[in-house]
PDB file of all heavy atoms in Angstrom:
ATOM      1  N   ASP A   1      15.133  -5.506  -3.012  1.00  0.00           N
ATOM      2  CA  ASP A   1      15.821  -6.581  -3.719  1.00  0.00           C
ATOM      3  C   ASP A   1      15.337  -7.963  -3.254  1.00  0.00           C
ATOM      4  O   ASP A   1      15.271  -8.911  -4.032  1.00  0.00           O
ATOM      5  CB  ASP A   1      17.323  -6.481  -3.521  1.00  0.00           C
ATOM      6  CG  ASP A   1      17.928  -5.321  -4.302  1.00  0.00           C
ATOM      7  OD1 ASP A   1      17.268  -4.803  -5.206  1.00  0.00           O
ATOM      8  OD2 ASP A   1      19.081  -4.937  -3.970  1.00  0.00           O
ATOM      9  N   SER A   2      14.959  -8.054  -1.995  1.00  0.00           N
ATOM     10  CA  SER A   2      14.572  -9.343  -1.429  1.00  0.00           C
ATOM     11  C   SER A   2      13.263  -9.893  -2.027  1.00  0.00           C
ATOM     12  O   SER A   2      13.005 -11.099  -1.932  1.00  0.00           O
ATOM     13  CB  SER A   2      14.431  -9.237   0.082  1.00  0.00           C
ATOM     14  OG  SER A   2      13.509  -8.253   0.429  1.00  0.00           O
ATOM     15  N   VAL A   3      12.451  -9.034  -2.635  1.00  0.00           N
ATOM     16  CA  VAL A   3      11.163  -9.495  -3.153  1.00  0.00           C
ATOM     17  C   VAL A   3      11.038  -9.232  -4.645  1.00  0.00           C
ATOM     18  O   VAL A   3      10.048  -9.652  -5.266  1.00  0.00           O
ATOM     19  CB  VAL A   3       9.987  -8.831  -2.418  1.00  0.00           C
ATOM     20  CG1 VAL A   3      10.126  -9.037  -0.910  1.00  0.00           C
ATOM     21  CG2 VAL A   3       9.868  -7.371  -2.744  1.00  0.00           C
ATOM     22  N   LYS A   4      12.008  -8.604  -5.251  1.00  0.00           N
ATOM     23  CA  LYS A   4      11.924  -8.240  -6.663  1.00  0.00           C
ATOM     24  C   LYS A   4      11.763  -9.491  -7.527  1.00  0.00           C
ATOM     25  O   LYS A   4      12.438 -10.494  -7.333  1.00  0.00           O
ATOM     26  CB  LYS A   4      13.191  -7.490  -7.067  1.00  0.00           C
ATOM     27  CG  LYS A   4      13.077  -6.716  -8.366  1.00  0.00           C
ATOM     28  CD  LYS A   4      14.308  -5.862  -8.578  1.00  0.00           C
ATOM     29  CE  LYS A   4      14.415  -4.735  -7.540  1.00  0.00           C
ATOM     30  NZ  LYS A   4      15.595  -3.871  -7.767  1.00  0.00           N
ATOM     31  N   GLY A   5      10.826  -9.442  -8.436  1.00  0.00           N
ATOM     32  CA  GLY A   5      10.549 -10.584  -9.300  1.00  0.00           C
ATOM     33  C   GLY A   5       9.567 -11.566  -8.729  1.00  0.00           C
ATOM     34  O   GLY A   5       9.084 -12.472  -9.455  1.00  0.00           O
ATOM     35  N   ARG A   6       9.217 -11.418  -7.468  1.00  0.00           N
ATOM     36  CA  ARG A   6       8.254 -12.331  -6.825  1.00  0.00           C
ATOM     37  C   ARG A   6       6.987 -11.622  -6.352  1.00  0.00           C
ATOM     38  O   ARG A   6       5.913 -12.220  -6.357  1.00  0.00           O
ATOM     39  CB  ARG A   6       8.914 -13.005  -5.619  1.00  0.00           C
ATOM     40  CG  ARG A   6      10.141 -13.825  -5.957  1.00  0.00           C
ATOM     41  CD  ARG A   6      10.644 -14.598  -4.737  1.00  0.00           C
ATOM     42  NE  ARG A   6      11.059 -13.748  -3.647  1.00  0.00           N
ATOM     43  CZ  ARG A   6      10.517 -13.780  -2.424  1.00  0.00           C
ATOM     44  NH1 ARG A   6       9.545 -14.652  -2.158  1.00  0.00           N
ATOM     45  NH2 ARG A   6      10.960 -12.984  -1.465  1.00  0.00           N
ATOM     46  N   PHE A   7       7.099 -10.379  -5.944  1.00  0.00           N
ATOM     47  CA  PHE A   7       5.965  -9.604  -5.434  1.00  0.00           C
ATOM     48  C   PHE A   7       5.575  -8.546  -6.459  1.00  0.00           C
ATOM     49  O   PHE A   7       6.421  -7.996  -7.176  1.00  0.00           O
ATOM     50  CB  PHE A   7       6.334  -8.899  -4.127  1.00  0.00           C
ATOM     51  CG  PHE A   7       6.520  -9.803  -2.941  1.00  0.00           C
ATOM     52  CD1 PHE A   7       6.582 -11.178  -3.051  1.00  0.00           C
ATOM     53  CD2 PHE A   7       6.620  -9.238  -1.664  1.00  0.00           C
ATOM     54  CE1 PHE A   7       6.751 -12.000  -1.949  1.00  0.00           C
ATOM     55  CE2 PHE A   7       6.796 -10.039  -0.549  1.00  0.00           C
ATOM     56  CZ  PHE A   7       6.857 -11.396  -0.709  1.00  0.00           C
ATOM     57  N   THR A   8       4.280  -8.243  -6.496  1.00  0.00           N
ATOM     58  CA  THR A   8       3.767  -7.209  -7.364  1.00  0.00           C
ATOM     59  C   THR A   8       2.789  -6.330  -6.582  1.00  0.00           C
ATOM     60  O   THR A   8       1.807  -6.842  -6.040  1.00  0.00           O
ATOM     61  CB  THR A   8       3.048  -7.776  -8.584  1.00  0.00           C
ATOM     62  OG1 THR A   8       3.957  -8.642  -9.310  1.00  0.00           O
ATOM     63  CG2 THR A   8       2.569  -6.664  -9.524  1.00  0.00           C
ATOM     64  N   ILE A   9       3.051  -5.027  -6.558  1.00  0.00           N
ATOM     65  CA  ILE A   9       2.143  -4.096  -5.887  1.00  0.00           C
ATOM     66  C   ILE A   9       1.254  -3.484  -6.967  1.00  0.00           C
ATOM     67  O   ILE A   9       1.696  -3.203  -8.100  1.00  0.00           O
ATOM     68  CB  ILE A   9       2.915  -3.007  -5.113  1.00  0.00           C
ATOM     69  CG1 ILE A   9       1.969  -2.149  -4.299  1.00  0.00           C
ATOM     70  CG2 ILE A   9       3.794  -2.181  -6.023  1.00  0.00           C
ATOM     71  CD1 ILE A   9       2.677  -1.206  -3.313  1.00  0.00           C
ATOM     72  N   SER A  10      -0.017  -3.275  -6.613  1.00  0.00           N
ATOM     73  CA  SER A  10      -0.944  -2.629  -7.541  1.00  0.00           C
ATOM     74  C   SER A  10      -1.977  -1.851  -6.747  1.00  0.00           C
ATOM     75  O   SER A  10      -2.011  -1.934  -5.509  1.00  0.00           O
ATOM     76  CB  SER A  10      -1.620  -3.681  -8.443  1.00  0.00           C
ATOM     77  OG  SER A  10      -2.381  -4.587  -7.659  1.00  0.00           O
ATOM     78  N   ARG A  11      -2.822  -1.148  -7.484  1.00  0.00           N
ATOM     79  CA  ARG A  11      -3.759  -0.246  -6.815  1.00  0.00           C
ATOM     80  C   ARG A  11      -5.060  -0.196  -7.620  1.00  0.00           C
ATOM     81  O   ARG A  11      -5.029  -0.207  -8.874  1.00  0.00           O
ATOM     82  CB  ARG A  11      -3.118   1.160  -6.789  1.00  0.00           C
ATOM     83  CG  ARG A  11      -3.892   2.259  -6.226  1.00  0.00           C
ATOM     84  CD  ARG A  11      -3.044   3.548  -6.257  1.00  0.00           C
ATOM     85  NE  ARG A  11      -2.947   4.087  -7.596  1.00  0.00           N
ATOM     86  CZ  ARG A  11      -1.936   4.867  -8.006  1.00  0.00           C
ATOM     87  NH1 ARG A  11      -0.934   5.134  -7.193  1.00  0.00           N
ATOM     88  NH2 ARG A  11      -1.914   5.340  -9.238  1.00  0.00           N
ATOM     89  N   ASP A  12      -6.177  -0.191  -6.949  1.00  0.00           N
ATOM     90  CA  ASP A  12      -7.495  -0.029  -7.583  1.00  0.00           C
ATOM     91  C   ASP A  12      -8.071   1.295  -7.039  1.00  0.00           C
ATOM     92  O   ASP A  12      -8.517   1.353  -5.895  1.00  0.00           O
ATOM     93  CB  ASP A  12      -8.400  -1.206  -7.254  1.00  0.00           C
ATOM     94  CG  ASP A  12      -9.742  -1.108  -7.987  1.00  0.00           C
ATOM     95  OD1 ASP A  12     -10.250   0.004  -8.233  1.00  0.00           O
ATOM     96  OD2 ASP A  12     -10.297  -2.184  -8.295  1.00  0.00           O
ATOM     97  N   ASN A  13      -8.011   2.323  -7.855  1.00  0.00           N
ATOM     98  CA  ASN A  13      -8.439   3.642  -7.381  1.00  0.00           C
ATOM     99  C   ASN A  13      -9.948   3.671  -7.050  1.00  0.00           C
ATOM    100  O   ASN A  13     -10.360   4.329  -6.091  1.00  0.00           O
ATOM    101  CB  ASN A  13      -8.122   4.710  -8.427  1.00  0.00           C
ATOM    102  CG  ASN A  13      -6.634   4.880  -8.635  1.00  0.00           C
ATOM    103  OD1 ASN A  13      -5.841   4.560  -7.767  1.00  0.00           O
ATOM    104  ND2 ASN A  13      -6.248   5.380  -9.785  1.00  0.00           N
ATOM    105  N   ALA A  14     -10.728   2.964  -7.836  1.00  0.00           N
ATOM    106  CA  ALA A  14     -12.168   2.953  -7.602  1.00  0.00           C
ATOM    107  C   ALA A  14     -12.518   2.321  -6.247  1.00  0.00           C
ATOM    108  O   ALA A  14     -13.470   2.743  -5.587  1.00  0.00           O
ATOM    109  CB  ALA A  14     -12.860   2.206  -8.725  1.00  0.00           C
ATOM    110  N   LYS A  15     -11.739   1.316  -5.856  1.00  0.00           N
ATOM    111  CA  LYS A  15     -11.967   0.658  -4.559  1.00  0.00           C
ATOM    112  C   LYS A  15     -11.129   1.253  -3.459  1.00  0.00           C
ATOM    113  O   LYS A  15     -11.231   0.858  -2.304  1.00  0.00           O
ATOM    114  CB  LYS A  15     -11.674  -0.840  -4.672  1.00  0.00           C
ATOM    115  CG  LYS A  15     -12.627  -1.565  -5.610  1.00  0.00           C
ATOM    116  CD  LYS A  15     -12.331  -3.052  -5.645  1.00  0.00           C
ATOM    117  CE  LYS A  15     -13.324  -3.780  -6.561  1.00  0.00           C
ATOM    118  NZ  LYS A  15     -13.062  -5.235  -6.613  1.00  0.00           N
ATOM    119  N   ASN A  16     -10.266   2.222  -3.813  1.00  0.00           N
ATOM    120  CA  ASN A  16      -9.373   2.842  -2.864  1.00  0.00           C
ATOM    121  C   ASN A  16      -8.582   1.808  -2.082  1.00  0.00           C
ATOM    122  O   ASN A  16      -8.448   1.875  -0.838  1.00  0.00           O
ATOM    123  CB  ASN A  16     -10.142   3.772  -1.892  1.00  0.00           C
ATOM    124  CG  ASN A  16      -9.304   4.919  -1.392  1.00  0.00           C
ATOM    125  OD1 ASN A  16      -8.383   5.409  -2.069  1.00  0.00           O
ATOM    126  ND2 ASN A  16      -9.596   5.393  -0.174  1.00  0.00           N
ATOM    127  N   THR A  17      -8.050   0.849  -2.810  1.00  0.00           N
ATOM    128  CA  THR A  17      -7.376  -0.322  -2.218  1.00  0.00           C
ATOM    129  C   THR A  17      -6.033  -0.553  -2.888  1.00  0.00           C
ATOM    130  O   THR A  17      -5.931  -0.380  -4.114  1.00  0.00           O
ATOM    131  CB  THR A  17      -8.284  -1.551  -2.329  1.00  0.00           C
ATOM    132  OG1 THR A  17      -9.488  -1.314  -1.622  1.00  0.00           O
ATOM    133  CG2 THR A  17      -7.601  -2.803  -1.781  1.00  0.00           C
ATOM    134  N   VAL A  18      -5.076  -0.948  -2.096  1.00  0.00           N
ATOM    135  CA  VAL A  18      -3.749  -1.328  -2.599  1.00  0.00           C
ATOM    136  C   VAL A  18      -3.552  -2.809  -2.375  1.00  0.00           C
ATOM    137  O   VAL A  18      -3.971  -3.341  -1.332  1.00  0.00           O
ATOM    138  CB  VAL A  18      -2.643  -0.521  -1.882  1.00  0.00           C
ATOM    139  CG1 VAL A  18      -1.279  -0.902  -2.431  1.00  0.00           C
ATOM    140  CG2 VAL A  18      -2.890   0.986  -2.033  1.00  0.00           C
ATOM    141  N   TYR A  19      -2.956  -3.482  -3.327  1.00  0.00           N
ATOM    142  CA  TYR A  19      -2.760  -4.940  -3.260  1.00  0.00           C
ATOM    143  C   TYR A  19      -1.277  -5.287  -3.284  1.00  0.00           C
ATOM    144  O   TYR A  19      -0.451  -4.527  -3.779  1.00  0.00           O
ATOM    145  CB  TYR A  19      -3.455  -5.611  -4.459  1.00  0.00           C
ATOM    146  CG  TYR A  19      -4.907  -5.324  -4.549  1.00  0.00           C
ATOM    147  CD1 TYR A  19      -5.403  -4.335  -5.385  1.00  0.00           C
ATOM    148  CD2 TYR A  19      -5.827  -6.043  -3.773  1.00  0.00           C
ATOM    149  CE1 TYR A  19      -6.746  -4.073  -5.486  1.00  0.00           C
ATOM    150  CE2 TYR A  19      -7.185  -5.776  -3.855  1.00  0.00           C
ATOM    151  CZ  TYR A  19      -7.632  -4.800  -4.723  1.00  0.00           C
ATOM    152  OH  TYR A  19      -8.980  -4.527  -4.794  1.00  0.00           O
ATOM    153  N   LEU A  20      -0.986  -6.473  -2.753  1.00  0.00           N
ATOM    154  CA  LEU A  20       0.350  -7.028  -2.896  1.00  0.00           C
ATOM    155  C   LEU A  20       0.201  -8.501  -3.279  1.00  0.00           C
ATOM    156  O   LEU A  20      -0.239  -9.297  -2.453  1.00  0.00           O
ATOM    157  CB  LEU A  20       1.166  -6.901  -1.608  1.00  0.00           C
ATOM    158  CG  LEU A  20       2.617  -7.343  -1.730  1.00  0.00           C
ATOM    159  CD1 LEU A  20       3.398  -6.375  -2.647  1.00  0.00           C
ATOM    160  CD2 LEU A  20       3.286  -7.400  -0.340  1.00  0.00           C
ATOM    161  N   GLN A  21       0.518  -8.806  -4.502  1.00  0.00           N
ATOM    162  CA  GLN A  21       0.534 -10.185  -4.978  1.00  0.00           C
ATOM    163  C   GLN A  21       1.900 -10.789  -4.660  1.00  0.00           C
ATOM    164  O   GLN A  21       2.919 -10.257  -5.108  1.00  0.00           O
ATOM    165  CB  GLN A  21       0.251 -10.266  -6.467  1.00  0.00           C
ATOM    166  CG  GLN A  21       0.297 -11.677  -7.047  1.00  0.00           C
ATOM    167  CD  GLN A  21      -0.822 -12.553  -6.543  1.00  0.00           C
ATOM    168  OE1 GLN A  21      -1.979 -12.132  -6.470  1.00  0.00           O
ATOM    169  NE2 GLN A  21      -0.496 -13.787  -6.185  1.00  0.00           N
ATOM    170  N   MET A  22       1.903 -11.861  -3.889  1.00  0.00           N
ATOM    171  CA  MET A  22       3.140 -12.483  -3.471  1.00  0.00           C
ATOM    172  C   MET A  22       3.203 -13.896  -4.025  1.00  0.00           C
ATOM    173  O   MET A  22       2.360 -14.732  -3.700  1.00  0.00           O
ATOM    174  CB  MET A  22       3.232 -12.496  -1.937  1.00  0.00           C
ATOM    175  CG  MET A  22       3.049 -11.137  -1.283  1.00  0.00           C
ATOM    176  SD  MET A  22       3.367 -11.131   0.485  1.00  0.00           S
ATOM    177  CE  MET A  22       2.057 -12.215   1.021  1.00  0.00           C
ATOM    178  N   ASN A  23       4.187 -14.147  -4.857  1.00  0.00           N
ATOM    179  CA  ASN A  23       4.394 -15.440  -5.457  1.00  0.00           C
ATOM    180  C   ASN A  23       5.741 -16.021  -5.009  1.00  0.00           C
ATOM    181  O   ASN A  23       6.593 -15.311  -4.498  1.00  0.00           O
ATOM    182  CB  ASN A  23       4.377 -15.341  -6.990  1.00  0.00           C
ATOM    183  CG  ASN A  23       3.066 -14.833  -7.530  1.00  0.00           C
ATOM    184  OD1 ASN A  23       1.997 -15.100  -6.944  1.00  0.00           O
ATOM    185  ND2 ASN A  23       3.106 -14.114  -8.623  1.00  0.00           N
ATOM    186  N   SER A  24       5.906 -17.317  -5.225  1.00  0.00           N
ATOM    187  CA  SER A  24       7.167 -17.998  -4.888  1.00  0.00           C
ATOM    188  C   SER A  24       7.608 -17.654  -3.466  1.00  0.00           C
ATOM    189  O   SER A  24       8.767 -17.289  -3.205  1.00  0.00           O
ATOM    190  CB  SER A  24       8.268 -17.604  -5.882  1.00  0.00           C
ATOM    191  OG  SER A  24       7.886 -17.909  -7.207  1.00  0.00           O
ATOM    192  N   LEU A  25       6.685 -17.754  -2.549  1.00  0.00           N
ATOM    193  CA  LEU A  25       6.976 -17.355  -1.176  1.00  0.00           C
ATOM    194  C   LEU A  25       8.031 -18.253  -0.536  1.00  0.00           C
ATOM    195  O   LEU A  25       8.105 -19.455  -0.811  1.00  0.00           O
ATOM    196  CB  LEU A  25       5.675 -17.375  -0.342  1.00  0.00           C
ATOM    197  CG  LEU A  25       4.781 -16.150  -0.610  1.00  0.00           C
ATOM    198  CD1 LEU A  25       3.361 -16.424  -0.158  1.00  0.00           C
ATOM    199  CD2 LEU A  25       5.343 -14.925   0.127  1.00  0.00           C
ATOM    200  N   LYS A  26       8.823 -17.611   0.319  1.00  0.00           N
ATOM    201  CA  LYS A  26       9.896 -18.295   1.016  1.00  0.00           C
ATOM    202  C   LYS A  26       9.683 -18.180   2.531  1.00  0.00           C
ATOM    203  O   LYS A  26       9.008 -17.240   2.990  1.00  0.00           O
ATOM    204  CB  LYS A  26      11.239 -17.616   0.674  1.00  0.00           C
ATOM    205  CG  LYS A  26      11.549 -17.550  -0.804  1.00  0.00           C
ATOM    206  CD  LYS A  26      12.848 -16.778  -1.051  1.00  0.00           C
ATOM    207  CE  LYS A  26      13.154 -16.673  -2.538  1.00  0.00           C
ATOM    208  NZ  LYS A  26      14.417 -15.929  -2.769  1.00  0.00           N
ATOM    209  N   PRO A  27      10.260 -19.058   3.315  1.00  0.00           N
ATOM    210  CA  PRO A  27      10.108 -18.964   4.763  1.00  0.00           C
ATOM    211  C   PRO A  27      10.563 -17.592   5.301  1.00  0.00           C
ATOM    212  O   PRO A  27       9.965 -17.089   6.274  1.00  0.00           O
ATOM    213  CB  PRO A  27      11.009 -20.084   5.294  1.00  0.00           C
ATOM    214  CG  PRO A  27      10.975 -21.096   4.178  1.00  0.00           C
ATOM    215  CD  PRO A  27      10.947 -20.299   2.927  1.00  0.00           C
ATOM    216  N   GLU A  28      11.535 -16.982   4.678  1.00  0.00           N
ATOM    217  CA  GLU A  28      12.000 -15.668   5.153  1.00  0.00           C
ATOM    218  C   GLU A  28      11.042 -14.548   4.851  1.00  0.00           C
ATOM    219  O   GLU A  28      11.267 -13.405   5.268  1.00  0.00           O
ATOM    220  CB  GLU A  28      13.400 -15.351   4.567  1.00  0.00           C
ATOM    221  CG  GLU A  28      13.522 -15.499   3.063  1.00  0.00           C
ATOM    222  CD  GLU A  28      14.089 -16.837   2.655  1.00  0.00           C
ATOM    223  OE1 GLU A  28      13.698 -17.885   3.253  1.00  0.00           O
ATOM    224  OE2 GLU A  28      14.928 -16.852   1.737  1.00  0.00           O
ATOM    225  N   ASP A  29       9.966 -14.825   4.112  1.00  0.00           N
ATOM    226  CA  ASP A  29       8.915 -13.836   3.907  1.00  0.00           C
ATOM    227  C   ASP A  29       7.927 -13.788   5.085  1.00  0.00           C
ATOM    228  O   ASP A  29       7.044 -12.936   5.104  1.00  0.00           O
ATOM    229  CB  ASP A  29       8.139 -14.132   2.624  1.00  0.00           C
ATOM    230  CG  ASP A  29       8.990 -14.004   1.371  1.00  0.00           C
ATOM    231  OD1 ASP A  29       9.795 -13.031   1.300  1.00  0.00           O
ATOM    232  OD2 ASP A  29       8.855 -14.848   0.474  1.00  0.00           O
ATOM    233  N   THR A  30       8.073 -14.708   6.019  1.00  0.00           N
ATOM    234  CA  THR A  30       7.198 -14.742   7.168  1.00  0.00           C
ATOM    235  C   THR A  30       7.301 -13.445   7.973  1.00  0.00           C
ATOM    236  O   THR A  30       8.420 -13.045   8.375  1.00  0.00           O
ATOM    237  CB  THR A  30       7.526 -15.945   8.063  1.00  0.00           C
ATOM    238  OG1 THR A  30       7.267 -17.146   7.340  1.00  0.00           O
ATOM    239  CG2 THR A  30       6.732 -15.918   9.365  1.00  0.00           C
ATOM    240  N   ALA A  31       6.201 -12.768   8.172  1.00  0.00           N
ATOM    241  CA  ALA A  31       6.176 -11.470   8.856  1.00  0.00           C
ATOM    242  C   ALA A  31       4.730 -10.999   8.965  1.00  0.00           C
ATOM    243  O   ALA A  31       3.830 -11.589   8.363  1.00  0.00           O
ATOM    244  CB  ALA A  31       6.983 -10.453   8.077  1.00  0.00           C
ATOM    245  N   VAL A  32       4.552  -9.927   9.725  1.00  0.00           N
ATOM    246  CA  VAL A  32       3.287  -9.189   9.678  1.00  0.00           C
ATOM    247  C   VAL A  32       3.442  -8.113   8.610  1.00  0.00           C
ATOM    248  O   VAL A  32       4.425  -7.379   8.619  1.00  0.00           O
ATOM    249  CB  VAL A  32       2.935  -8.575  11.047  1.00  0.00           C
ATOM    250  CG1 VAL A  32       1.616  -7.801  10.944  1.00  0.00           C
ATOM    251  CG2 VAL A  32       2.856  -9.642  12.110  1.00  0.00           C
ATOM    252  N   TYR A  33       2.489  -8.058   7.715  1.00  0.00           N
ATOM    253  CA  TYR A  33       2.531  -7.118   6.604  1.00  0.00           C
ATOM    254  C   TYR A  33       1.565  -5.965   6.846  1.00  0.00           C
ATOM    255  O   TYR A  33       0.430  -6.166   7.239  1.00  0.00           O
ATOM    256  CB  TYR A  33       2.205  -7.820   5.293  1.00  0.00           C
ATOM    257  CG  TYR A  33       3.345  -8.668   4.776  1.00  0.00           C
ATOM    258  CD1 TYR A  33       3.685  -9.843   5.415  1.00  0.00           C
ATOM    259  CD2 TYR A  33       4.090  -8.271   3.673  1.00  0.00           C
ATOM    260  CE1 TYR A  33       4.760 -10.634   4.962  1.00  0.00           C
ATOM    261  CE2 TYR A  33       5.141  -9.059   3.210  1.00  0.00           C
ATOM    262  CZ  TYR A  33       5.475 -10.214   3.856  1.00  0.00           C
ATOM    263  OH  TYR A  33       6.528 -10.973   3.395  1.00  0.00           O
ATOM    264  N   TYR A  34       2.056  -4.763   6.579  1.00  0.00           N
ATOM    265  CA  TYR A  34       1.288  -3.533   6.762  1.00  0.00           C
ATOM    266  C   TYR A  34       1.359  -2.695   5.504  1.00  0.00           C
ATOM    267  O   TYR A  34       2.340  -2.765   4.747  1.00  0.00           O
ATOM    268  CB  TYR A  34       1.892  -2.686   7.885  1.00  0.00           C
ATOM    269  CG  TYR A  34       2.041  -3.342   9.217  1.00  0.00           C
ATOM    270  CD1 TYR A  34       3.188  -4.118   9.495  1.00  0.00           C
ATOM    271  CD2 TYR A  34       1.098  -3.184  10.219  1.00  0.00           C
ATOM    272  CE1 TYR A  34       3.351  -4.709  10.746  1.00  0.00           C
ATOM    273  CE2 TYR A  34       1.267  -3.768  11.462  1.00  0.00           C
ATOM    274  CZ  TYR A  34       2.370  -4.542  11.721  1.00  0.00           C
ATOM    275  OH  TYR A  34       2.544  -5.123  12.955  1.00  0.00           O
ATOM    276  N   CYS A  35       0.350  -1.879   5.299  1.00  0.00           N
ATOM    277  CA  CYS A  35       0.457  -0.867   4.259  1.00  0.00           C
ATOM    278  C   CYS A  35       0.399   0.506   4.903  1.00  0.00           C
ATOM    279  O   CYS A  35      -0.120   0.681   5.998  1.00  0.00           O
ATOM    280  CB  CYS A  35      -0.645  -1.001   3.199  1.00  0.00           C
ATOM    281  SG  CYS A  35      -2.275  -0.561   3.759  1.00  0.00           S
ATOM    282  N   ASN A  36       0.946   1.487   4.205  1.00  0.00           N
ATOM    283  CA  ASN A  36       0.938   2.852   4.704  1.00  0.00           C
ATOM    284  C   ASN A  36       1.494   3.772   3.616  1.00  0.00           C
ATOM    285  O   ASN A  36       2.065   3.295   2.624  1.00  0.00           O
ATOM    286  CB  ASN A  36       1.781   3.007   5.968  1.00  0.00           C
ATOM    287  CG  ASN A  36       1.264   4.104   6.883  1.00  0.00           C
ATOM    288  OD1 ASN A  36       0.746   5.127   6.446  1.00  0.00           O
ATOM    289  ND2 ASN A  36       1.381   3.882   8.183  1.00  0.00           N
ATOM    290  N   ARG A  37       1.326   5.025   3.808  1.00  0.00           N
ATOM    291  CA  ARG A  37       1.948   5.997   2.936  1.00  0.00           C
ATOM    292  C   ARG A  37       3.459   5.912   3.136  1.00  0.00           C
ATOM    293  O   ARG A  37       3.937   5.641   4.238  1.00  0.00           O
ATOM    294  CB  ARG A  37       1.427   7.402   3.242  1.00  0.00           C
ATOM    295  CG  ARG A  37      -0.076   7.535   3.042  1.00  0.00           C
ATOM    296  CD  ARG A  37      -0.539   8.961   3.101  1.00  0.00           C
ATOM    297  NE  ARG A  37      -0.447   9.532   4.422  1.00  0.00           N
ATOM    298  CZ  ARG A  37      -1.436  10.223   5.019  1.00  0.00           C
ATOM    299  NH1 ARG A  37      -2.597  10.378   4.380  1.00  0.00           N
ATOM    300  NH2 ARG A  37      -1.256  10.763   6.185  1.00  0.00           N
ATOM    301  N   VAL A  38       4.213   6.181   2.099  1.00  0.00           N
ATOM    302  CA  VAL A  38       5.668   6.097   2.206  1.00  0.00           C
ATOM    303  C   VAL A  38       6.203   7.297   2.994  1.00  0.00           C
ATOM    304  O   VAL A  38       7.162   7.159   3.759  1.00  0.00           O
ATOM    305  CB  VAL A  38       6.286   5.999   0.815  1.00  0.00           C
ATOM    306  CG1 VAL A  38       7.809   6.067   0.894  1.00  0.00           C
ATOM    307  CG2 VAL A  38       5.851   4.725   0.098  1.00  0.00           C
ATOM    308  N   SER A  39       5.606   8.430   2.837  1.00  0.00           N
ATOM    309  CA  SER A  39       5.956   9.589   3.649  1.00  0.00           C
ATOM    310  C   SER A  39       4.673  10.087   4.300  1.00  0.00           C
ATOM    311  O   SER A  39       3.577   9.734   3.890  1.00  0.00           O
ATOM    312  CB  SER A  39       6.633  10.685   2.813  1.00  0.00           C
ATOM    313  OG  SER A  39       5.760  11.115   1.790  1.00  0.00           O
ATOM    314  N   SER A  40       4.843  10.931   5.318  1.00  0.00           N
ATOM    315  CA  SER A  40       3.673  11.405   6.075  1.00  0.00           C
ATOM    316  C   SER A  40       2.768  10.240   6.447  1.00  0.00           C
ATOM    317  O   SER A  40       1.549  10.253   6.207  1.00  0.00           O
ATOM    318  CB  SER A  40       2.877  12.435   5.235  1.00  0.00           C
ATOM    319  OG  SER A  40       3.660  13.525   4.845  1.00  0.00           O
ATOM    320  N   ARG A  41       3.412   9.250   7.080  1.00  0.00           N
ATOM    321  CA  ARG A  41       2.667   8.034   7.377  1.00  0.00           C
ATOM    322  C   ARG A  41       1.483   8.268   8.319  1.00  0.00           C
ATOM    323  O   ARG A  41       1.557   9.085   9.236  1.00  0.00           O
ATOM    324  CB  ARG A  41       3.598   6.969   7.935  1.00  0.00           C
ATOM    325  CG  ARG A  41       4.486   6.341   6.870  1.00  0.00           C
ATOM    326  CD  ARG A  41       5.146   5.089   7.357  1.00  0.00           C
ATOM    327  NE  ARG A  41       6.196   5.385   8.304  1.00  0.00           N
ATOM    328  CZ  ARG A  41       7.472   5.568   7.994  1.00  0.00           C
ATOM    329  NH1 ARG A  41       7.858   5.503   6.726  1.00  0.00           N
ATOM    330  NH2 ARG A  41       8.361   5.796   8.903  1.00  0.00           N
ATOM    331  N   ALA A  42       0.447   7.520   8.080  1.00  0.00           N
ATOM    332  CA  ALA A  42      -0.728   7.557   8.942  1.00  0.00           C
ATOM    333  C   ALA A  42      -0.512   6.570  10.086  1.00  0.00           C
ATOM    334  O   ALA A  42       0.506   5.870  10.138  1.00  0.00           O
ATOM    335  CB  ALA A  42      -1.950   7.169   8.124  1.00  0.00           C
ATOM    336  N   ASP A  43      -1.488   6.478  10.978  1.00  0.00           N
ATOM    337  CA  ASP A  43      -1.432   5.471  12.037  1.00  0.00           C
ATOM    338  C   ASP A  43      -1.424   4.085  11.391  1.00  0.00           C
ATOM    339  O   ASP A  43      -2.148   3.842  10.425  1.00  0.00           O
ATOM    340  CB  ASP A  43      -2.642   5.607  12.958  1.00  0.00           C
ATOM    341  CG  ASP A  43      -2.573   6.845  13.832  1.00  0.00           C
ATOM    342  OD1 ASP A  43      -1.483   7.411  13.980  1.00  0.00           O
ATOM    343  OD2 ASP A  43      -3.635   7.258  14.353  1.00  0.00           O
TER     344      ASP A  43
END
């Protein structure tokens, strides 16, 4: 809920890459951002 309407996740299968477009950023979005599998997480 905290990012709904501002962030967009997408994926490019050919590049094997996941993206996060972040708009209308707020100070409370300050953090270290990581990607990972939702289950069976990798390192």
